[in-house]
Amino acid sequence: MAIIEVKNLKKKYGPPAGGLTAVDNISFEVNEGEVFGILGPNGAGKTTTLEMIEGLKGITSGQAFLDGHDVSKDTRTVKSLIGVQLQSSSFFEGLNLLELLETFGALYNRKVDAMELLREVQLEEKAKSQHKELSGGQKQRFSIAAALVNDPKVLFLDEPTTGLDPQARRNLWELITEINKKGKTVVLTTHYMDEAEILCDRIAVMDHAHIIALDTTQNLLKLPGLSTSIHFLVDKPLDIEQLKAITGVTSVQSEDHTYRLTTDNSEATLSDLFKLSREAGVKLVDLQLHQPTLEDVFLKLTGHGLRD
């Protein structure tokens, strides 16, 4: 069941005849209970899309509904149903973490168990610390705790791990996964391929204000035209023409005793390759299989890399 419905959503800045189109006629749904990711480079329109759904930014045309409520007409109800990850500049100075969460709870007319929220994000030992005393990863975890104060149906995270070291990123991924397991729908934006692949049930690929693909990671990686590469060494040369004739092989490269095959059917290619090597009496050494990645998907769809 869809908890978010986006229909022909558009955001334009400046005069009608010119100006900048930040989001251009996008449509998608987010299913209740899933982790939904919007993947794309900086400037693609990811953040603007979230802000329109959250009711924080006006919609030029189109509609967005959250749990059946029109975000443009029923903004107050929508805001009561969502949690939005705040940036560090949004926190009050002089209050410790417990006091901050209690203050946020008061803004929602809710009495919150602040220590339990800190425990949920592994920050109970920092309860008496001020926000400015936290590390980057701790600040991100606290911002998620603040977003959970009103027990939202949907949690919005905008580039949640930007600027974090690898371990802090992994810790935050685990936290997001645990929150989702407890029944929260999570919508996040990211420009990290690994983050989208690890966290998201479905991914909308966004570029230049448009959604250009939307599917599960597994299905995106099956996009026609993507190839798996097989690298290996041999103890004596193989016949290039025989390699080219192997099922699924689309190209063959060789240098000395090193070979690289690309294939659109890795299972059949490997089966034929093993058979060929046995019949030729050739030993395959250090065989490596390189599957397509979301970076390959983005390159195939757009003609440029995610960070170009």
C-alpha atoms as a PDB file:
ATOM      1  CA  MET A   1       0.000   0.000   0.000  1.00  0.00           C
ATOM      2  CA  ALA A   2       1.362   3.422  -0.943  1.00  0.00           C
ATOM      3  CA  ILE A   3       1.912   5.848   1.926  1.00  0.00           C
ATOM      4  CA  ILE A   4       3.305   8.529  -0.412  1.00  0.00           C
ATOM      5  CA  GLU A   5       1.914   9.343  -3.858  1.00  0.00           C
ATOM      6  CA  VAL A   6       3.639  11.880  -6.097  1.00  0.00           C
ATOM      7  CA  LYS A   7       1.858  12.903  -9.288  1.00  0.00           C
ATOM      8  CA  ASN A   8       3.453  15.073 -11.988  1.00  0.00           C
ATOM      9  CA  LEU A   9       5.325  17.089  -9.372  1.00  0.00           C
ATOM     10  CA  LYS A  10       7.136  20.183 -10.608  1.00  0.00           C
ATOM     11  CA  LYS A  11       9.153  22.954  -8.975  1.00  0.00           C
ATOM     12  CA  LYS A  12      10.214  25.989 -10.954  1.00  0.00           C
ATOM     13  CA  TYR A  13      12.038  29.130  -9.866  1.00  0.00           C
ATOM     14  CA  GLY A  14      11.873  32.432 -11.713  1.00  0.00           C
ATOM     15  CA  PRO A  15       9.557  33.635 -14.500  1.00  0.00           C
ATOM     16  CA  PRO A  16       7.194  31.168 -16.246  1.00  0.00           C
ATOM     17  CA  ALA A  17       8.879  31.709 -19.618  1.00  0.00           C
ATOM     18  CA  GLY A  18      12.374  31.043 -18.303  1.00  0.00           C
ATOM     19  CA  GLY A  19      13.860  30.436 -14.896  1.00  0.00           C
ATOM     20  CA  LEU A  20      15.137  27.215 -13.378  1.00  0.00           C
ATOM     21  CA  THR A  21      13.217  23.947 -13.234  1.00  0.00           C
ATOM     22  CA  ALA A  22      14.500  22.093 -10.172  1.00  0.00           C
ATOM     23  CA  VAL A  23      12.027  19.194 -10.390  1.00  0.00           C
ATOM     24  CA  ASP A  24      10.322  18.425 -13.673  1.00  0.00           C
ATOM     25  CA  ASN A  25       7.073  16.450 -13.796  1.00  0.00           C
ATOM     26  CA  ILE A  26       8.032  13.465 -11.647  1.00  0.00           C
ATOM     27  CA  SER A  27       5.679  10.730 -10.442  1.00  0.00           C
ATOM     28  CA  PHE A  28       6.273   7.842  -8.040  1.00  0.00           C
ATOM     29  CA  GLU A  29       4.860   6.028  -5.023  1.00  0.00           C
ATOM     30  CA  VAL A  30       6.460   4.951  -1.761  1.00  0.00           C
ATOM     31  CA  ASN A  31       5.089   1.794  -0.181  1.00  0.00           C
ATOM     32  CA  GLU A  32       4.367   1.736   3.529  1.00  0.00           C
ATOM     33  CA  GLY A  33       7.174   0.064   5.473  1.00  0.00           C
ATOM     34  CA  GLU A  34       9.872   0.259   2.814  1.00  0.00           C
ATOM     35  CA  VAL A  35      13.149   2.139   2.587  1.00  0.00           C
ATOM     36  CA  PHE A  36      12.844   4.237  -0.550  1.00  0.00           C
ATOM     37  CA  GLY A  37      15.905   5.959  -1.958  1.00  0.00           C
ATOM     38  CA  ILE A  38      16.335   8.833  -4.387  1.00  0.00           C
ATOM     39  CA  LEU A  39      19.785   8.446  -5.938  1.00  0.00           C
ATOM     40  CA  GLY A  40      21.456  11.142  -7.970  1.00  0.00           C
ATOM     41  CA  PRO A  41      24.222  13.745  -8.143  1.00  0.00           C
ATOM     42  CA  ASN A  42      24.174  17.105  -6.404  1.00  0.00           C
ATOM     43  CA  GLY A  43      21.744  19.434  -8.157  1.00  0.00           C
ATOM     44  CA  ALA A  44      19.559  16.630  -9.519  1.00  0.00           C
ATOM     45  CA  GLY A  45      16.499  17.811  -7.559  1.00  0.00           C
ATOM     46  CA  LYS A  46      16.552  15.262  -4.735  1.00  0.00           C
ATOM     47  CA  THR A  47      16.362  17.668  -1.805  1.00  0.00           C
ATOM     48  CA  THR A  48      13.742  19.860  -3.481  1.00  0.00           C
ATOM     49  CA  THR A  49      11.595  16.775  -4.044  1.00  0.00           C
ATOM     50  CA  LEU A  50      11.766  15.867  -0.357  1.00  0.00           C
ATOM     51  CA  GLU A  51      11.012  19.421   0.744  1.00  0.00           C
ATOM     52  CA  MET A  52       7.871  19.553  -1.396  1.00  0.00           C
ATOM     53  CA  ILE A  53       6.603  16.236  -0.003  1.00  0.00           C
ATOM     54  CA  GLU A  54       7.371  17.412   3.538  1.00  0.00           C
ATOM     55  CA  GLY A  55       5.353  20.581   2.971  1.00  0.00           C
ATOM     56  CA  LEU A  56       8.435  22.750   3.467  1.00  0.00           C
ATOM     57  CA  LYS A  57       8.551  24.073  -0.086  1.00  0.00           C
ATOM     58  CA  GLY A  58       5.739  25.171  -2.382  1.00  0.00           C
ATOM     59  CA  ILE A  59       4.722  23.069  -5.382  1.00  0.00           C
ATOM     60  CA  THR A  60       4.635  24.748  -8.800  1.00  0.00           C
ATOM     61  CA  SER A  61       2.349  22.097 -10.289  1.00  0.00           C
ATOM     62  CA  GLY A  62       1.323  18.521  -9.645  1.00  0.00           C
ATOM     63  CA  GLN A  63       0.321  16.902  -6.366  1.00  0.00           C
ATOM     64  CA  ALA A  64       1.834  14.972  -3.493  1.00  0.00           C
ATOM     65  CA  PHE A  65      -0.105  12.947  -0.936  1.00  0.00           C
ATOM     66  CA  LEU A  66       1.174  11.512   2.335  1.00  0.00           C
ATOM     67  CA  ASP A  67      -1.004   8.900   4.014  1.00  0.00           C
ATOM     68  CA  GLY A  68      -3.875  10.210   1.896  1.00  0.00           C
ATOM     69  CA  HIS A  69      -3.370  13.869   2.838  1.00  0.00           C
ATOM     70  CA  ASP A  70      -2.642  16.498   0.186  1.00  0.00           C
ATOM     71  CA  VAL A  71       0.649  18.054   1.322  1.00  0.00           C
ATOM     72  CA  SER A  72      -0.340  21.455  -0.095  1.00  0.00           C
ATOM     73  CA  LYS A  73      -3.774  21.605   1.537  1.00  0.00           C
ATOM     74  CA  ASP A  74      -3.274  19.692   4.776  1.00  0.00           C
ATOM     75  CA  THR A  75       0.236  20.729   5.729  1.00  0.00           C
ATOM     76  CA  ARG A  76      -0.302  20.614   9.495  1.00  0.00           C
ATOM     77  CA  THR A  77      -1.515  17.012   9.438  1.00  0.00           C
ATOM     78  CA  VAL A  78       1.310  15.988   7.114  1.00  0.00           C
ATOM     79  CA  LYS A  79       3.917  17.517   9.426  1.00  0.00           C
ATOM     80  CA  SER A  80       2.458  15.562  12.356  1.00  0.00           C
ATOM     81  CA  LEU A  81       2.996  12.316  10.436  1.00  0.00           C
ATOM     82  CA  ILE A  82       6.609  12.839   9.394  1.00  0.00           C
ATOM     83  CA  GLY A  83      10.044  13.107  10.954  1.00  0.00           C
ATOM     84  CA  VAL A  84      12.640  15.206   9.169  1.00  0.00           C
ATOM     85  CA  GLN A  85      16.339  14.944   9.889  1.00  0.00           C
ATOM     86  CA  LEU A  86      17.486  18.375  11.060  1.00  0.00           C
ATOM     87  CA  GLN A  87      20.837  19.960  10.271  1.00  0.00           C
ATOM     88  CA  SER A  88      23.164  20.858  13.156  1.00  0.00           C
ATOM     89  CA  SER A  89      22.477  24.587  12.827  1.00  0.00           C
ATOM     90  CA  SER A  90      18.879  23.951  13.860  1.00  0.00           C
ATOM     91  CA  PHE A  91      19.680  22.970  17.464  1.00  0.00           C
ATOM     92  CA  PHE A  92      19.454  25.299  20.454  1.00  0.00           C
ATOM     93  CA  GLU A  93      22.730  26.232  22.137  1.00  0.00           C
ATOM     94  CA  GLY A  94      23.191  25.633  25.857  1.00  0.00           C
ATOM     95  CA  LEU A  95      20.942  22.577  26.185  1.00  0.00           C
ATOM     96  CA  ASN A  96      22.135  19.010  26.619  1.00  0.00           C
ATOM     97  CA  LEU A  97      20.788  16.178  24.480  1.00  0.00           C
ATOM     98  CA  LEU A  98      18.092  15.160  26.958  1.00  0.00           C
ATOM     99  CA  GLU A  99      16.862  18.734  27.238  1.00  0.00           C
ATOM    100  CA  LEU A 100      16.864  19.174  23.471  1.00  0.00           C
ATOM    101  CA  LEU A 101      14.683  16.116  22.915  1.00  0.00           C
ATOM    102  CA  GLU A 102      12.296  17.161  25.689  1.00  0.00           C
ATOM    103  CA  THR A 103      12.060  20.616  24.097  1.00  0.00           C
ATOM    104  CA  PHE A 104      11.248  19.106  20.695  1.00  0.00           C
ATOM    105  CA  GLY A 105       8.622  16.920  22.349  1.00  0.00           C
ATOM    106  CA  ALA A 106       6.994  19.996  23.877  1.00  0.00           C
ATOM    107  CA  LEU A 107       6.753  21.560  20.420  1.00  0.00           C
ATOM    108  CA  TYR A 108       4.594  18.563  19.413  1.00  0.00           C
ATOM    109  CA  ASN A 109       2.690  18.615  22.729  1.00  0.00           C
ATOM    110  CA  ARG A 110       4.156  15.197  23.448  1.00  0.00           C
ATOM    111  CA  LYS A 111       5.835  13.922  26.582  1.00  0.00           C
ATOM    112  CA  VAL A 112       8.759  11.928  25.260  1.00  0.00           C
ATOM    113  CA  ASP A 113      11.039   9.383  26.879  1.00  0.00           C
ATOM    114  CA  ALA A 114      14.183  11.253  25.883  1.00  0.00           C
ATOM    115  CA  MET A 115      16.565   8.695  27.370  1.00  0.00           C
ATOM    116  CA  GLU A 116      14.866   5.873  25.444  1.00  0.00           C
ATOM    117  CA  LEU A 117      15.276   7.846  22.202  1.00  0.00           C
ATOM    118  CA  LEU A 118      18.968   8.348  22.964  1.00  0.00           C
ATOM    119  CA  ARG A 119      19.281   4.650  23.755  1.00  0.00           C
ATOM    120  CA  GLU A 120      17.678   3.816  20.415  1.00  0.00           C
ATOM    121  CA  VAL A 121      20.414   5.761  18.586  1.00  0.00           C
ATOM    122  CA  GLN A 122      23.210   4.556  20.913  1.00  0.00           C
ATOM    123  CA  LEU A 123      23.770   7.946  22.546  1.00  0.00           C
ATOM    124  CA  GLU A 124      22.599   7.339  26.118  1.00  0.00           C
ATOM    125  CA  GLU A 125      26.147   7.914  27.419  1.00  0.00           C
ATOM    126  CA  LYS A 126      26.063  11.392  25.845  1.00  0.00           C
ATOM    127  CA  ALA A 127      22.761  12.387  27.465  1.00  0.00           C
ATOM    128  CA  LYS A 128      24.288  15.282  29.420  1.00  0.00           C
ATOM    129  CA  SER A 129      26.520  16.459  26.569  1.00  0.00           C
ATOM    130  CA  GLN A 130      25.788  19.410  24.338  1.00  0.00           C
ATOM    131  CA  HIS A 131      25.295  18.925  20.616  1.00  0.00           C
ATOM    132  CA  LYS A 132      28.512  20.784  19.755  1.00  0.00           C
ATOM    133  CA  GLU A 133      30.514  18.235  21.770  1.00  0.00           C
ATOM    134  CA  LEU A 134      29.462  15.305  19.575  1.00  0.00           C
ATOM    135  CA  SER A 135      31.412  13.743  16.716  1.00  0.00           C
ATOM    136  CA  GLY A 136      30.067  13.920  13.168  1.00  0.00           C
ATOM    137  CA  GLY A 137      28.508  10.473  13.354  1.00  0.00           C
ATOM    138  CA  GLN A 138      27.004  11.176  16.772  1.00  0.00           C
ATOM    139  CA  LYS A 139      25.474  14.416  15.493  1.00  0.00           C
ATOM    140  CA  GLN A 140      23.818  12.540  12.646  1.00  0.00           C
ATOM    141  CA  ARG A 141      22.446   9.905  15.020  1.00  0.00           C
ATOM    142  CA  PHE A 142      21.114  12.602  17.319  1.00  0.00           C
ATOM    143  CA  SER A 143      19.409  14.365  14.421  1.00  0.00           C
ATOM    144  CA  ILE A 144      17.601  11.093  13.709  1.00  0.00           C
ATOM    145  CA  ALA A 145      16.558  10.826  17.370  1.00  0.00           C
ATOM    146  CA  ALA A 146      15.135  14.348  17.109  1.00  0.00           C
ATOM    147  CA  ALA A 147      13.228  13.332  13.971  1.00  0.00           C
ATOM    148  CA  LEU A 148      11.648  10.424  15.883  1.00  0.00           C
ATOM    149  CA  VAL A 149      10.293  12.590  18.733  1.00  0.00           C
ATOM    150  CA  ASN A 150       6.754  12.703  17.301  1.00  0.00           C
ATOM    151  CA  ASP A 151       6.715   8.950  16.504  1.00  0.00           C
ATOM    152  CA  PRO A 152       6.340   9.622  12.762  1.00  0.00           C
ATOM    153  CA  LYS A 153       4.947   7.267  10.159  1.00  0.00           C
ATOM    154  CA  VAL A 154       7.564   8.400   7.643  1.00  0.00           C
ATOM    155  CA  LEU A 155      11.172   9.376   8.345  1.00  0.00           C
ATOM    156  CA  PHE A 156      12.892  11.636   5.797  1.00  0.00           C
ATOM    157  CA  LEU A 157      16.700  11.597   5.627  1.00  0.00           C
ATOM    158  CA  ASP A 158      18.508  13.953   3.259  1.00  0.00           C
ATOM    159  CA  GLU A 159      22.043  12.720   2.479  1.00  0.00           C
ATOM    160  CA  PRO A 160      22.312  11.211   5.987  1.00  0.00           C
ATOM    161  CA  THR A 161      25.954  10.067   5.821  1.00  0.00           C
ATOM    162  CA  THR A 162      27.626  12.896   3.908  1.00  0.00           C
ATOM    163  CA  GLY A 163      30.934  13.815   5.532  1.00  0.00           C
ATOM    164  CA  LEU A 164      31.116  10.755   7.781  1.00  0.00           C
ATOM    165  CA  ASP A 165      34.044   8.350   7.971  1.00  0.00           C
ATOM    166  CA  PRO A 166      33.467   4.760   6.759  1.00  0.00           C
ATOM    167  CA  GLN A 167      32.793   3.308  10.222  1.00  0.00           C
ATOM    168  CA  ALA A 168      30.355   6.085  11.138  1.00  0.00           C
ATOM    169  CA  ARG A 169      28.549   5.523   7.831  1.00  0.00           C
ATOM    170  CA  ARG A 170      28.160   1.803   8.554  1.00  0.00           C
ATOM    171  CA  ASN A 171      26.898   2.551  12.065  1.00  0.00           C
ATOM    172  CA  LEU A 172      24.276   4.894  10.654  1.00  0.00           C
ATOM    173  CA  TRP A 173      23.222   2.316   8.054  1.00  0.00           C
ATOM    174  CA  GLU A 174      22.618  -0.178  10.869  1.00  0.00           C
ATOM    175  CA  LEU A 175      20.561   2.402  12.756  1.00  0.00           C
ATOM    176  CA  ILE A 176      18.405   3.195   9.709  1.00  0.00           C
ATOM    177  CA  THR A 177      17.831  -0.518   9.113  1.00  0.00           C
ATOM    178  CA  GLU A 178      16.768  -1.039  12.741  1.00  0.00           C
ATOM    179  CA  ILE A 179      14.363   1.916  12.600  1.00  0.00           C
ATOM    180  CA  ASN A 180      12.819   0.500   9.436  1.00  0.00           C
ATOM    181  CA  LYS A 181      12.445  -2.940  11.043  1.00  0.00           C
ATOM    182  CA  LYS A 182      10.354  -1.301  13.767  1.00  0.00           C
ATOM    183  CA  GLY A 183       7.789  -0.276  11.172  1.00  0.00           C
ATOM    184  CA  LYS A 184       8.883   3.160  10.020  1.00  0.00           C
ATOM    185  CA  THR A 185       8.788   4.034   6.344  1.00  0.00           C
ATOM    186  CA  VAL A 186      12.100   5.671   5.427  1.00  0.00           C
ATOM    187  CA  VAL A 187      12.674   7.990   2.471  1.00  0.00           C
ATOM    188  CA  LEU A 188      16.266   9.040   1.904  1.00  0.00           C
ATOM    189  CA  THR A 189      18.353  10.845  -0.667  1.00  0.00           C
ATOM    190  CA  THR A 190      21.928   9.903  -1.408  1.00  0.00           C
ATOM    191  CA  HIS A 191      24.665  10.187  -3.996  1.00  0.00           C
ATOM    192  CA  TYR A 192      26.431   7.102  -2.623  1.00  0.00           C
ATOM    193  CA  MET A 193      25.858   3.978  -4.714  1.00  0.00           C
ATOM    194  CA  ASP A 194      26.758   1.567  -1.903  1.00  0.00           C
ATOM    195  CA  GLU A 195      24.402   3.328   0.495  1.00  0.00           C
ATOM    196  CA  ALA A 196      21.467   3.035  -1.897  1.00  0.00           C
ATOM    197  CA  GLU A 197      22.241  -0.600  -2.656  1.00  0.00           C
ATOM    198  CA  ILE A 198      22.592  -1.636   0.995  1.00  0.00           C
ATOM    199  CA  LEU A 199      19.660   0.285   2.480  1.00  0.00           C
ATOM    200  CA  CYS A 200      16.948   0.687  -0.123  1.00  0.00           C
ATOM    201  CA  ASP A 201      14.148  -1.666  -1.117  1.00  0.00           C
ATOM    202  CA  ARG A 202      13.583   0.465  -4.216  1.00  0.00           C
ATOM    203  CA  ILE A 203      15.554   3.276  -5.811  1.00  0.00           C
ATOM    204  CA  ALA A 204      14.477   6.219  -7.946  1.00  0.00           C
ATOM    205  CA  VAL A 205      17.404   7.348 -10.089  1.00  0.00           C
ATOM    206  CA  MET A 206      17.253  11.119 -10.566  1.00  0.00           C
ATOM    207  CA  ASP A 207      19.231  13.368 -12.908  1.00  0.00           C
ATOM    208  CA  HIS A 208      18.658  16.916 -14.186  1.00  0.00           C
ATOM    209  CA  ALA A 209      15.281  17.259 -12.415  1.00  0.00           C
ATOM    210  CA  HIS A 210      13.856  14.009 -13.858  1.00  0.00           C
ATOM    211  CA  ILE A 211      13.398  10.496 -12.508  1.00  0.00           C
ATOM    212  CA  ILE A 212      14.971   8.347 -15.195  1.00  0.00           C
ATOM    213  CA  ALA A 213      14.498   4.917 -13.603  1.00  0.00           C
ATOM    214  CA  LEU A 214      12.728   3.399 -10.604  1.00  0.00           C
ATOM    215  CA  ASP A 215      13.013  -0.196  -9.456  1.00  0.00           C
ATOM    216  CA  THR A 216      14.649  -2.556  -7.000  1.00  0.00           C
ATOM    217  CA  THR A 217      18.443  -2.694  -7.034  1.00  0.00           C
ATOM    218  CA  GLN A 218      18.287  -6.227  -8.413  1.00  0.00           C
ATOM    219  CA  ASN A 219      16.117  -5.179 -11.348  1.00  0.00           C
ATOM    220  CA  LEU A 220      18.149  -2.048 -12.067  1.00  0.00           C
ATOM    221  CA  LEU A 221      21.261  -4.209 -12.322  1.00  0.00           C
ATOM    222  CA  LYS A 222      19.483  -6.302 -14.980  1.00  0.00           C
ATOM    223  CA  LEU A 223      19.127  -3.277 -17.249  1.00  0.00           C
ATOM    224  CA  PRO A 224      19.734  -4.314 -20.889  1.00  0.00           C
ATOM    225  CA  GLY A 225      23.210  -3.454 -22.078  1.00  0.00           C
ATOM    226  CA  LEU A 226      24.977  -3.910 -18.741  1.00  0.00           C
ATOM    227  CA  SER A 227      27.815  -6.396 -18.786  1.00  0.00           C
ATOM    228  CA  THR A 228      29.627  -8.566 -16.279  1.00  0.00           C
ATOM    229  CA  SER A 229      33.392  -8.812 -16.705  1.00  0.00           C
ATOM    230  CA  ILE A 230      35.434 -11.947 -16.054  1.00  0.00           C
ATOM    231  CA  HIS A 231      39.174 -11.596 -15.417  1.00  0.00           C
ATOM    232  CA  PHE A 232      41.606 -14.509 -15.240  1.00  0.00           C
ATOM    233  CA  LEU A 233      45.182 -15.650 -15.833  1.00  0.00           C
ATOM    234  CA  VAL A 234      46.219 -18.792 -17.723  1.00  0.00           C
ATOM    235  CA  ASP A 235      49.312 -20.982 -17.696  1.00  0.00           C
ATOM    236  CA  LYS A 236      49.280 -21.085 -21.517  1.00  0.00           C
ATOM    237  CA  PRO A 237      47.388 -19.100 -24.177  1.00  0.00           C
ATOM    238  CA  LEU A 238      43.765 -19.705 -25.140  1.00  0.00           C
ATOM    239  CA  ASP A 239      42.406 -19.262 -28.655  1.00  0.00           C
ATOM    240  CA  ILE A 240      40.818 -15.793 -28.950  1.00  0.00           C
ATOM    241  CA  GLU A 241      38.248 -16.887 -31.541  1.00  0.00           C
ATOM    242  CA  GLN A 242      37.120 -19.737 -29.318  1.00  0.00           C
ATOM    243  CA  LEU A 243      36.720 -17.304 -26.423  1.00  0.00           C
ATOM    244  CA  LYS A 244      34.649 -14.968 -28.613  1.00  0.00           C
ATOM    245  CA  ALA A 245      32.372 -17.904 -29.501  1.00  0.00           C
ATOM    246  CA  ILE A 246      31.526 -18.616 -25.855  1.00  0.00           C
ATOM    247  CA  THR A 247      27.864 -18.103 -24.944  1.00  0.00           C
ATOM    248  CA  GLY A 248      27.138 -14.553 -23.776  1.00  0.00           C
ATOM    249  CA  VAL A 249      30.582 -13.104 -24.517  1.00  0.00           C
ATOM    250  CA  THR A 250      30.419  -9.599 -25.996  1.00  0.00           C
ATOM    251  CA  SER A 251      34.141  -8.760 -26.025  1.00  0.00           C
ATOM    252  CA  VAL A 252      37.533 -10.319 -25.353  1.00  0.00           C
ATOM    253  CA  GLN A 253      40.733  -8.569 -24.322  1.00  0.00           C
ATOM    254  CA  SER A 254      44.073 -10.245 -23.752  1.00  0.00           C
ATOM    255  CA  GLU A 255      47.571  -9.230 -22.772  1.00  0.00           C
ATOM    256  CA  ASP A 256      50.267 -11.844 -22.278  1.00  0.00           C
ATOM    257  CA  HIS A 257      48.547 -14.504 -20.153  1.00  0.00           C
ATOM    258  CA  THR A 258      45.814 -12.213 -18.775  1.00  0.00           C
ATOM    259  CA  TYR A 259      42.293 -12.216 -20.222  1.00  0.00           C
ATOM    260  CA  ARG A 260      39.205 -10.067 -19.718  1.00  0.00           C
ATOM    261  CA  LEU A 261      35.818 -11.164 -21.057  1.00  0.00           C
ATOM    262  CA  THR A 262      32.623  -9.130 -20.938  1.00  0.00           C
ATOM    263  CA  THR A 263      29.364 -11.037 -20.961  1.00  0.00           C
ATOM    264  CA  ASP A 264      25.633 -10.500 -20.741  1.00  0.00           C
ATOM    265  CA  ASN A 265      25.132 -14.049 -19.430  1.00  0.00           C
ATOM    266  CA  SER A 266      27.779 -14.744 -16.808  1.00  0.00           C
ATOM    267  CA  GLU A 267      26.457 -18.164 -15.772  1.00  0.00           C
ATOM    268  CA  ALA A 268      26.538 -19.568 -19.322  1.00  0.00           C
ATOM    269  CA  THR A 269      29.872 -17.891 -20.067  1.00  0.00           C
ATOM    270  CA  LEU A 270      31.560 -19.408 -17.021  1.00  0.00           C
ATOM    271  CA  SER A 271      30.195 -22.858 -17.857  1.00  0.00           C
ATOM    272  CA  ASP A 272      31.545 -22.667 -21.421  1.00  0.00           C
ATOM    273  CA  LEU A 273      34.854 -21.149 -20.248  1.00  0.00           C
ATOM    274  CA  PHE A 274      35.498 -23.996 -17.802  1.00  0.00           C
ATOM    275  CA  LYS A 275      34.662 -26.530 -20.507  1.00  0.00           C
ATOM    276  CA  LEU A 276      36.987 -24.823 -23.005  1.00  0.00           C
ATOM    277  CA  SER A 277      39.864 -24.665 -20.525  1.00  0.00           C
ATOM    278  CA  ARG A 278      39.491 -28.352 -19.636  1.00  0.00           C
ATOM    279  CA  GLU A 279      39.445 -29.426 -23.278  1.00  0.00           C
ATOM    280  CA  ALA A 280      42.475 -27.234 -24.053  1.00  0.00           C
ATOM    281  CA  GLY A 281      44.369 -28.415 -20.982  1.00  0.00           C
ATOM    282  CA  VAL A 282      44.678 -24.825 -19.756  1.00  0.00           C
ATOM    283  CA  LYS A 283      44.662 -23.916 -16.073  1.00  0.00           C
ATOM    284  CA  LEU A 284      42.628 -20.827 -15.081  1.00  0.00           C
ATOM    285  CA  VAL A 285      44.254 -18.816 -12.294  1.00  0.00           C
ATOM    286  CA  ASP A 286      42.930 -15.955 -10.127  1.00  0.00           C
ATOM    287  CA  LEU A 287      39.515 -15.865 -11.792  1.00  0.00           C
ATOM    288  CA  GLN A 288      37.501 -12.788 -10.764  1.00  0.00           C
ATOM    289  CA  LEU A 289      33.897 -11.939 -11.568  1.00  0.00           C
ATOM    290  CA  HIS A 290      32.965  -8.234 -11.631  1.00  0.00           C
ATOM    291  CA  GLN A 291      29.192  -7.728 -11.599  1.00  0.00           C
ATOM    292  CA  PRO A 292      27.533  -4.500 -12.813  1.00  0.00           C
ATOM    293  CA  THR A 293      27.099  -1.800 -10.173  1.00  0.00           C
ATOM    294  CA  LEU A 294      24.659   1.063  -9.722  1.00  0.00           C
ATOM    295  CA  GLU A 295      27.434   3.288 -11.055  1.00  0.00           C
ATOM    296  CA  ASP A 296      27.239   1.294 -14.299  1.00  0.00           C
ATOM    297  CA  VAL A 297      23.452   1.688 -14.275  1.00  0.00           C
ATOM    298  CA  PHE A 298      23.716   5.454 -13.862  1.00  0.00           C
ATOM    299  CA  LEU A 299      26.341   5.695 -16.592  1.00  0.00           C
ATOM    300  CA  LYS A 300      24.184   3.611 -18.936  1.00  0.00           C
ATOM    301  CA  LEU A 301      21.092   5.729 -18.270  1.00  0.00           C
ATOM    302  CA  THR A 302      22.687   9.178 -18.392  1.00  0.00           C
ATOM    303  CA  GLY A 303      25.911   8.876 -20.358  1.00  0.00           C
ATOM    304  CA  HIS A 304      27.911  10.315 -17.460  1.00  0.00           C
ATOM    305  CA  GLY A 305      29.122   9.221 -14.044  1.00  0.00           C
ATOM    306  CA  LEU A 306      27.374  10.149 -10.827  1.00  0.00           C
ATOM    307  CA  ARG A 307      30.143  12.551  -9.820  1.00  0.00           C
ATOM    308  CA  ASP A 308      30.981  14.011 -13.249  1.00  0.00           C
END
